[in-house]
PDB file of N, CA and C in Angstrom:
ATOM      1  N   MET A   1     -13.028  -0.720   5.256  1.00  0.00           N
ATOM      2  CA  MET A   1     -14.441  -0.433   5.126  1.00  0.00           C
ATOM      3  C   MET A   1     -15.139  -1.016   6.342  1.00  0.00           C
ATOM      4  N   GLN A   2     -15.975  -0.249   6.950  1.00  0.00           N
ATOM      5  CA  GLN A   2     -16.678  -0.733   8.121  1.00  0.00           C
ATOM      6  C   GLN A   2     -17.730  -1.748   7.723  1.00  0.00           C
ATOM      7  N   ALA A   3     -17.913  -2.732   8.588  1.00  0.00           N
ATOM      8  CA  ALA A   3     -18.869  -3.799   8.311  1.00  0.00           C
ATOM      9  C   ALA A   3     -20.271  -3.254   8.076  1.00  0.00           C
ATOM     10  N   ASN A   4     -20.658  -2.184   8.798  1.00  0.00           N
ATOM     11  CA  ASN A   4     -22.014  -1.667   8.618  1.00  0.00           C
ATOM     12  C   ASN A   4     -22.209  -1.063   7.229  1.00  0.00           C
ATOM     13  N   TRP A   5     -21.158  -0.570   6.592  1.00  0.00           N
ATOM     14  CA  TRP A   5     -21.279  -0.070   5.214  1.00  0.00           C
ATOM     15  C   TRP A   5     -21.565  -1.226   4.271  1.00  0.00           C
ATOM     16  N   VAL A   6     -20.872  -2.321   4.475  1.00  0.00           N
ATOM     17  CA  VAL A   6     -21.080  -3.499   3.634  1.00  0.00           C
ATOM     18  C   VAL A   6     -22.530  -3.951   3.746  1.00  0.00           C
ATOM     19  N   GLN A   7     -23.035  -4.007   4.959  1.00  0.00           N
ATOM     20  CA  GLN A   7     -24.419  -4.421   5.171  1.00  0.00           C
ATOM     21  C   GLN A   7     -25.393  -3.374   4.642  1.00  0.00           C
ATOM     22  N   HIS A   8     -25.140  -2.102   4.924  1.00  0.00           N
ATOM     23  CA  HIS A   8     -26.043  -1.024   4.510  1.00  0.00           C
ATOM     24  C   HIS A   8     -26.242  -0.991   2.999  1.00  0.00           C
ATOM     25  N   PHE A   9     -25.178  -1.108   2.253  1.00  0.00           N
ATOM     26  CA  PHE A   9     -25.266  -1.031   0.800  1.00  0.00           C
ATOM     27  C   PHE A   9     -25.509  -2.392   0.146  1.00  0.00           C
ATOM     28  N   GLY A  10     -25.548  -3.452   0.933  1.00  0.00           N
ATOM     29  CA  GLY A  10     -25.804  -4.781   0.389  1.00  0.00           C
ATOM     30  C   GLY A  10     -24.643  -5.340  -0.411  1.00  0.00           C
ATOM     31  N   PHE A  11     -23.427  -4.864  -0.123  1.00  0.00           N
ATOM     32  CA  PHE A  11     -22.252  -5.374  -0.828  1.00  0.00           C
ATOM     33  C   PHE A  11     -22.050  -6.840  -0.474  1.00  0.00           C
ATOM     34  N   GLU A  12     -21.683  -7.624  -1.460  1.00  0.00           N
ATOM     35  CA  GLU A  12     -21.420  -9.038  -1.218  1.00  0.00           C
ATOM     36  C   GLU A  12     -19.992  -9.425  -1.570  1.00  0.00           C
ATOM     37  N   ARG A  13     -19.436  -8.790  -2.590  1.00  0.00           N
ATOM     38  CA  ARG A  13     -18.075  -9.130  -3.035  1.00  0.00           C
ATOM     39  C   ARG A  13     -17.182  -7.914  -2.825  1.00  0.00           C
ATOM     40  N   VAL A  14     -16.415  -7.938  -1.727  1.00  0.00           N
ATOM     41  CA  VAL A  14     -15.574  -6.803  -1.361  1.00  0.00           C
ATOM     42  C   VAL A  14     -14.194  -7.302  -0.950  1.00  0.00           C
ATOM     43  N   PRO A  15     -13.238  -7.312  -1.873  1.00  0.00           N
ATOM     44  CA  PRO A  15     -11.881  -7.692  -1.457  1.00  0.00           C
ATOM     45  C   PRO A  15     -11.252  -6.582  -0.626  1.00  0.00           C
ATOM     46  N   ASN A  16     -10.602  -6.966   0.449  1.00  0.00           N
ATOM     47  CA  ASN A  16      -9.889  -6.032   1.306  1.00  0.00           C
ATOM     48  C   ASN A  16      -8.412  -6.250   1.042  1.00  0.00           C
ATOM     49  N   CYS A  17      -7.869  -5.487   0.125  1.00  0.00           N
ATOM     50  CA  CYS A  17      -6.488  -5.671  -0.329  1.00  0.00           C
ATOM     51  C   CYS A  17      -5.515  -5.007   0.637  1.00  0.00           C
ATOM     52  N   HIS A  18      -4.380  -5.587   0.791  1.00  0.00           N
ATOM     53  CA  HIS A  18      -3.312  -5.091   1.659  1.00  0.00           C
ATOM     54  C   HIS A  18      -3.687  -5.152   3.130  1.00  0.00           C
ATOM     55  N   CYS A  19      -4.676  -5.940   3.487  1.00  0.00           N
ATOM     56  CA  CYS A  19      -5.033  -6.000   4.902  1.00  0.00           C
ATOM     57  C   CYS A  19      -3.995  -6.858   5.632  1.00  0.00           C
ATOM     58  N   TYR A  20      -3.684  -6.451   6.825  1.00  0.00           N
ATOM     59  CA  TYR A  20      -2.713  -7.171   7.635  1.00  0.00           C
ATOM     60  C   TYR A  20      -2.889  -6.733   9.076  1.00  0.00           C
ATOM     61  N   THR A  21      -2.341  -7.500   9.990  1.00  0.00           N
ATOM     62  CA  THR A  21      -2.458  -7.171  11.406  1.00  0.00           C
ATOM     63  C   THR A  21      -1.082  -7.018  12.044  1.00  0.00           C
ATOM     64  N   GLY A  22      -0.070  -6.797  11.246  1.00  0.00           N
ATOM     65  CA  GLY A  22       1.270  -6.682  11.776  1.00  0.00           C
ATOM     66  C   GLY A  22       1.938  -8.027  11.956  1.00  0.00           C
ATOM     67  N   ALA A  23       1.271  -9.077  11.531  1.00  0.00           N
ATOM     68  CA  ALA A  23       1.813 -10.431  11.644  1.00  0.00           C
ATOM     69  C   ALA A  23       2.126 -10.929  10.240  1.00  0.00           C
ATOM     70  N   PHE A  24       2.458 -12.165  10.133  1.00  0.00           N
ATOM     71  CA  PHE A  24       2.757 -12.720   8.827  1.00  0.00           C
ATOM     72  C   PHE A  24       1.829 -13.877   8.514  1.00  0.00           C
ATOM     73  N   THR A  25       1.570 -14.087   7.299  1.00  0.00           N
ATOM     74  CA  THR A  25       0.755 -15.091   6.641  1.00  0.00           C
ATOM     75  C   THR A  25      -0.235 -15.839   7.525  1.00  0.00           C
ATOM     76  N   ALA A  26       0.122 -16.992   8.062  1.00  0.00           N
ATOM     77  CA  ALA A  26      -0.869 -17.850   8.751  1.00  0.00           C
ATOM     78  C   ALA A  26      -1.548 -17.119   9.908  1.00  0.00           C
ATOM     79  N   PRO A  27      -0.805 -16.500  10.838  1.00  0.00           N
ATOM     80  CA  PRO A  27      -1.500 -15.803  11.932  1.00  0.00           C
ATOM     81  C   PRO A  27      -2.376 -14.648  11.424  1.00  0.00           C
ATOM     82  N   ALA A  28      -1.924 -13.949  10.398  1.00  0.00           N
ATOM     83  CA  ALA A  28      -2.716 -12.841   9.855  1.00  0.00           C
ATOM     84  C   ALA A  28      -3.993 -13.359   9.207  1.00  0.00           C
ATOM     85  N   LEU A  29      -3.911 -14.468   8.496  1.00  0.00           N
ATOM     86  CA  LEU A  29      -5.093 -15.045   7.863  1.00  0.00           C
ATOM     87  C   LEU A  29      -6.093 -15.513   8.922  1.00  0.00           C
ATOM     88  N   GLN A  30      -5.590 -16.100  10.003  1.00  0.00           N
ATOM     89  CA  GLN A  30      -6.467 -16.533  11.095  1.00  0.00           C
ATOM     90  C   GLN A  30      -7.117 -15.331  11.769  1.00  0.00           C
ATOM     91  N   SER A  31      -6.350 -14.254  11.952  1.00  0.00           N
ATOM     92  CA  SER A  31      -6.904 -13.032  12.538  1.00  0.00           C
ATOM     93  C   SER A  31      -7.980 -12.445  11.637  1.00  0.00           C
ATOM     94  N   GLY A  32      -7.770 -12.513  10.336  1.00  0.00           N
ATOM     95  CA  GLY A  32      -8.761 -12.012   9.389  1.00  0.00           C
ATOM     96  C   GLY A  32     -10.081 -12.734   9.536  1.00  0.00           C
ATOM     97  N   GLN A  33     -10.036 -14.045   9.647  1.00  0.00           N
ATOM     98  CA  GLN A  33     -11.265 -14.816   9.829  1.00  0.00           C
ATOM     99  C   GLN A  33     -11.930 -14.480  11.162  1.00  0.00           C
ATOM    100  N   ALA A  34     -11.135 -14.277  12.204  1.00  0.00           N
ATOM    101  CA  ALA A  34     -11.690 -13.902  13.511  1.00  0.00           C
ATOM    102  C   ALA A  34     -12.369 -12.532  13.425  1.00  0.00           C
ATOM    103  N   HIS A  35     -11.791 -11.607  12.657  1.00  0.00           N
ATOM    104  CA  HIS A  35     -12.386 -10.270  12.497  1.00  0.00           C
ATOM    105  C   HIS A  35     -13.715 -10.350  11.748  1.00  0.00           C
ATOM    106  N   VAL A  36     -13.793 -11.246  10.781  1.00  0.00           N
ATOM    107  CA  VAL A  36     -15.052 -11.445  10.050  1.00  0.00           C
ATOM    108  C   VAL A  36     -16.149 -11.854  11.029  1.00  0.00           C
ATOM    109  N   ARG A  37     -15.854 -12.836  11.864  1.00  0.00           N
ATOM    110  CA  ARG A  37     -16.849 -13.311  12.837  1.00  0.00           C
ATOM    111  C   ARG A  37     -17.168 -12.221  13.860  1.00  0.00           C
ATOM    112  N   ALA A  38     -16.160 -11.476  14.314  1.00  0.00           N
ATOM    113  CA  ALA A  38     -16.369 -10.419  15.310  1.00  0.00           C
ATOM    114  C   ALA A  38     -17.258  -9.299  14.767  1.00  0.00           C
ATOM    115  N   ASN A  39     -17.298  -9.133  13.450  1.00  0.00           N
ATOM    116  CA  ASN A  39     -18.132  -8.099  12.845  1.00  0.00           C
ATOM    117  C   ASN A  39     -19.505  -8.627  12.449  1.00  0.00           C
ATOM    118  N   GLY A  40     -19.842  -9.814  12.912  1.00  0.00           N
ATOM    119  CA  GLY A  40     -21.184 -10.332  12.729  1.00  0.00           C
ATOM    120  C   GLY A  40     -21.443 -11.103  11.450  1.00  0.00           C
ATOM    121  N   PHE A  41     -20.389 -11.455  10.728  1.00  0.00           N
ATOM    122  CA  PHE A  41     -20.556 -12.223   9.491  1.00  0.00           C
ATOM    123  C   PHE A  41     -20.248 -13.689   9.758  1.00  0.00           C
ATOM    124  N   ALA A  42     -20.900 -14.563   9.012  1.00  0.00           N
ATOM    125  CA  ALA A  42     -20.610 -15.990   9.113  1.00  0.00           C
ATOM    126  C   ALA A  42     -19.205 -16.254   8.566  1.00  0.00           C
ATOM    127  N   ALA A  43     -18.481 -17.163   9.187  1.00  0.00           N
ATOM    128  CA  ALA A  43     -17.102 -17.456   8.780  1.00  0.00           C
ATOM    129  C   ALA A  43     -17.019 -17.865   7.314  1.00  0.00           C
ATOM    130  N   GLY A  44     -18.019 -18.555   6.806  1.00  0.00           N
ATOM    131  CA  GLY A  44     -17.992 -19.032   5.429  1.00  0.00           C
ATOM    132  C   GLY A  44     -18.260 -17.962   4.390  1.00  0.00           C
ATOM    133  N   CYS A  45     -18.566 -16.743   4.814  1.00  0.00           N
ATOM    134  CA  CYS A  45     -18.891 -15.700   3.835  1.00  0.00           C
ATOM    135  C   CYS A  45     -17.643 -15.005   3.306  1.00  0.00           C
ATOM    136  N   SER A  46     -16.468 -15.372   3.810  1.00  0.00           N
ATOM    137  CA  SER A  46     -15.246 -14.713   3.343  1.00  0.00           C
ATOM    138  C   SER A  46     -14.143 -15.736   3.112  1.00  0.00           C
ATOM    139  N   GLU A  47     -13.165 -15.306   2.341  1.00  0.00           N
ATOM    140  CA  GLU A  47     -11.976 -16.117   2.093  1.00  0.00           C
ATOM    141  C   GLU A  47     -10.763 -15.224   2.310  1.00  0.00           C
ATOM    142  N   CYS A  48      -9.713 -15.777   2.863  1.00  0.00           N
ATOM    143  CA  CYS A  48      -8.469 -15.039   3.061  1.00  0.00           C
ATOM    144  C   CYS A  48      -7.383 -15.692   2.227  1.00  0.00           C
ATOM    145  N   PHE A  49      -6.595 -14.856   1.551  1.00  0.00           N
ATOM    146  CA  PHE A  49      -5.547 -15.346   0.674  1.00  0.00           C
ATOM    147  C   PHE A  49      -4.247 -14.614   0.941  1.00  0.00           C
ATOM    148  N   ASP A  50      -3.153 -15.311   0.755  1.00  0.00           N
ATOM    149  CA  ASP A  50      -1.823 -14.713   0.788  1.00  0.00           C
ATOM    150  C   ASP A  50      -1.360 -14.652  -0.665  1.00  0.00           C
ATOM    151  N   VAL A  51      -1.603 -13.522  -1.336  1.00  0.00           N
ATOM    152  CA  VAL A  51      -1.301 -13.386  -2.762  1.00  0.00           C
ATOM    153  C   VAL A  51      -0.673 -12.025  -3.050  1.00  0.00           C
ATOM    154  N   ASP A  52      -0.106 -11.896  -4.223  1.00  0.00           N
ATOM    155  CA  ASP A  52       0.350 -10.613  -4.735  1.00  0.00           C
ATOM    156  C   ASP A  52      -0.913  -9.842  -5.132  1.00  0.00           C
ATOM    157  N   VAL A  53      -1.225  -8.776  -4.416  1.00  0.00           N
ATOM    158  CA  VAL A  53      -2.477  -8.044  -4.628  1.00  0.00           C
ATOM    159  C   VAL A  53      -2.600  -7.530  -6.060  1.00  0.00           C
ATOM    160  N   ASN A  54      -1.556  -6.899  -6.562  1.00  0.00           N
ATOM    161  CA  ASN A  54      -1.631  -6.333  -7.910  1.00  0.00           C
ATOM    162  C   ASN A  54      -1.895  -7.408  -8.957  1.00  0.00           C
ATOM    163  N   GLN A  55      -1.180  -8.517  -8.866  1.00  0.00           N
ATOM    164  CA  GLN A  55      -1.379  -9.598  -9.831  1.00  0.00           C
ATOM    165  C   GLN A  55      -2.763 -10.216  -9.670  1.00  0.00           C
ATOM    166  N   SER A  56      -3.199 -10.383  -8.450  1.00  0.00           N
ATOM    167  CA  SER A  56      -4.508 -10.964  -8.188  1.00  0.00           C
ATOM    168  C   SER A  56      -5.630 -10.101  -8.774  1.00  0.00           C
ATOM    169  N   LEU A  57      -5.518  -8.772  -8.635  1.00  0.00           N
ATOM    170  CA  LEU A  57      -6.528  -7.882  -9.219  1.00  0.00           C
ATOM    171  C   LEU A  57      -6.496  -7.927 -10.743  1.00  0.00           C
ATOM    172  N   ARG A  58      -5.292  -7.999 -11.319  1.00  0.00           N
ATOM    173  CA  ARG A  58      -5.188  -8.130 -12.786  1.00  0.00           C
ATOM    174  C   ARG A  58      -5.824  -9.444 -13.245  1.00  0.00           C
ATOM    175  N   ASP A  59      -5.533 -10.527 -12.529  1.00  0.00           N
ATOM    176  CA  ASP A  59      -6.107 -11.831 -12.874  1.00  0.00           C
ATOM    177  C   ASP A  59      -7.632 -11.795 -12.763  1.00  0.00           C
ATOM    178  N   SER A  60      -8.145 -11.140 -11.745  1.00  0.00           N
ATOM    179  CA  SER A  60      -9.593 -11.025 -11.570  1.00  0.00           C
ATOM    180  C   SER A  60     -10.222 -10.261 -12.727  1.00  0.00           C
ATOM    181  N   GLN A  61      -9.566  -9.192 -13.130  1.00  0.00           N
ATOM    182  CA  GLN A  61     -10.083  -8.401 -14.250  1.00  0.00           C
ATOM    183  C   GLN A  61     -10.103  -9.235 -15.532  1.00  0.00           C
ATOM    184  N   GLN A  62      -9.010  -9.929 -15.804  1.00  0.00           N
ATOM    185  CA  GLN A  62      -8.925 -10.750 -17.013  1.00  0.00           C
ATOM    186  C   GLN A  62      -9.948 -11.884 -16.999  1.00  0.00           C
ATOM    187  N   ALA A  63     -10.269 -12.388 -15.812  1.00  0.00           N
ATOM    188  CA  ALA A  63     -11.238 -13.485 -15.687  1.00  0.00           C
ATOM    189  C   ALA A  63     -12.680 -12.974 -15.676  1.00  0.00           C
ATOM    190  N   GLY A  64     -12.835 -11.649 -15.681  1.00  0.00           N
ATOM    191  CA  GLY A  64     -14.174 -11.076 -15.678  1.00  0.00           C
ATOM    192  C   GLY A  64     -14.849 -11.064 -14.320  1.00  0.00           C
ATOM    193  N   ARG A  65     -14.088 -11.284 -13.240  1.00  0.00           N
ATOM    194  CA  ARG A  65     -14.669 -11.228 -11.901  1.00  0.00           C
ATOM    195  C   ARG A  65     -14.944  -9.772 -11.545  1.00  0.00           C
ATOM    196  N   ARG A  66     -16.097  -9.527 -10.978  1.00  0.00           N
ATOM    197  CA  ARG A  66     -16.506  -8.175 -10.606  1.00  0.00           C
ATOM    198  C   ARG A  66     -16.682  -8.097  -9.097  1.00  0.00           C
ATOM    199  N   PHE A  67     -16.479  -6.908  -8.549  1.00  0.00           N
ATOM    200  CA  PHE A  67     -16.627  -6.674  -7.116  1.00  0.00           C
ATOM    201  C   PHE A  67     -17.584  -5.516  -6.894  1.00  0.00           C
ATOM    202  N   ASP A  68     -18.282  -5.537  -5.760  1.00  0.00           N
ATOM    203  CA  ASP A  68     -19.190  -4.447  -5.404  1.00  0.00           C
ATOM    204  C   ASP A  68     -18.396  -3.229  -4.925  1.00  0.00           C
ATOM    205  N   ALA A  69     -17.286  -3.464  -4.290  1.00  0.00           N
ATOM    206  CA  ALA A  69     -16.382  -2.413  -3.805  1.00  0.00           C
ATOM    207  C   ALA A  69     -15.027  -3.064  -3.581  1.00  0.00           C
ATOM    208  N   ILE A  70     -13.986  -2.257  -3.526  1.00  0.00           N
ATOM    209  CA  ILE A  70     -12.637  -2.760  -3.242  1.00  0.00           C
ATOM    210  C   ILE A  70     -12.021  -1.857  -2.188  1.00  0.00           C
ATOM    211  N   VAL A  71     -11.492  -2.452  -1.137  1.00  0.00           N
ATOM    212  CA  VAL A  71     -10.800  -1.703  -0.094  1.00  0.00           C
ATOM    213  C   VAL A  71      -9.310  -1.770  -0.396  1.00  0.00           C
ATOM    214  N   LEU A  72      -8.698  -0.611  -0.633  1.00  0.00           N
ATOM    215  CA  LEU A  72      -7.263  -0.530  -0.918  1.00  0.00           C
ATOM    216  C   LEU A  72      -6.606   0.368   0.117  1.00  0.00           C
ATOM    217  N   ASP A  73      -5.847  -0.224   1.007  1.00  0.00           N
ATOM    218  CA  ASP A  73      -5.142   0.520   2.042  1.00  0.00           C
ATOM    219  C   ASP A  73      -3.740  -0.069   2.146  1.00  0.00           C
ATOM    220  N   PRO A  74      -2.865   0.280   1.191  1.00  0.00           N
ATOM    221  CA  PRO A  74      -1.527  -0.336   1.182  1.00  0.00           C
ATOM    222  C   PRO A  74      -0.684   0.102   2.372  1.00  0.00           C
ATOM    223  N   PRO A  75       0.279  -0.746   2.747  1.00  0.00           N
ATOM    224  CA  PRO A  75       1.181  -0.385   3.842  1.00  0.00           C
ATOM    225  C   PRO A  75       2.092   0.759   3.421  1.00  0.00           C
ATOM    226  N   LYS A  76       2.654   1.428   4.409  1.00  0.00           N
ATOM    227  CA  LYS A  76       3.589   2.515   4.140  1.00  0.00           C
ATOM    228  C   LYS A  76       4.880   1.905   3.591  1.00  0.00           C
ATOM    229  N   PHE A  77       5.278   2.373   2.410  1.00  0.00           N
ATOM    230  CA  PHE A  77       6.494   1.826   1.781  1.00  0.00           C
ATOM    231  C   PHE A  77       7.755   2.591   2.190  1.00  0.00           C
ATOM    232  N   ALA A  78       7.609   3.846   2.565  1.00  0.00           N
ATOM    233  CA  ALA A  78       8.753   4.650   3.010  1.00  0.00           C
ATOM    234  C   ALA A  78       8.409   5.244   4.371  1.00  0.00           C
ATOM    235  N   PRO A  79       9.267   5.079   5.368  1.00  0.00           N
ATOM    236  CA  PRO A  79       8.951   5.553   6.712  1.00  0.00           C
ATOM    237  C   PRO A  79       8.845   7.077   6.811  1.00  0.00           C
ATOM    238  N   THR A  80       9.586   7.810   5.971  1.00  0.00           N
ATOM    239  CA  THR A  80       9.514   9.269   5.968  1.00  0.00           C
ATOM    240  C   THR A  80       9.688   9.759   4.544  1.00  0.00           C
ATOM    241  N   ALA A  81       9.409  11.041   4.301  1.00  0.00           N
ATOM    242  CA  ALA A  81       9.565  11.612   2.952  1.00  0.00           C
ATOM    243  C   ALA A  81      11.009  11.531   2.497  1.00  0.00           C
ATOM    244  N   ALA A  82      11.950  11.561   3.409  1.00  0.00           N
ATOM    245  CA  ALA A  82      13.367  11.480   3.051  1.00  0.00           C
ATOM    246  C   ALA A  82      13.718  10.117   2.455  1.00  0.00           C
ATOM    247  N   HIS A  83      12.941   9.101   2.762  1.00  0.00           N
ATOM    248  CA  HIS A  83      13.183   7.761   2.237  1.00  0.00           C
ATOM    249  C   HIS A  83      12.476   7.500   0.924  1.00  0.00           C
ATOM    250  N   ALA A  84      11.659   8.418   0.482  1.00  0.00           N
ATOM    251  CA  ALA A  84      10.853   8.215  -0.728  1.00  0.00           C
ATOM    252  C   ALA A  84      11.706   8.264  -1.976  1.00  0.00           C
TER     253      ALA A  84
END
């Protein structure tokens, strides 16, 4: 989701699930925070987690946590249709 959409619609709680930069855990989390700042948001307005996305969303639902929008862009699980 583009940062201007978040600002335009006044979204405040938007988990970006399956986000990654081709790196692993710590470097990816640091890159995520850098992207937040590069898009004009204060560093403290976001949190980055290394979690099981599906379980985390289930836990959020059970806890009654609500989101303004959810970005779901999972990685490709099969490189070609022949691998599906």
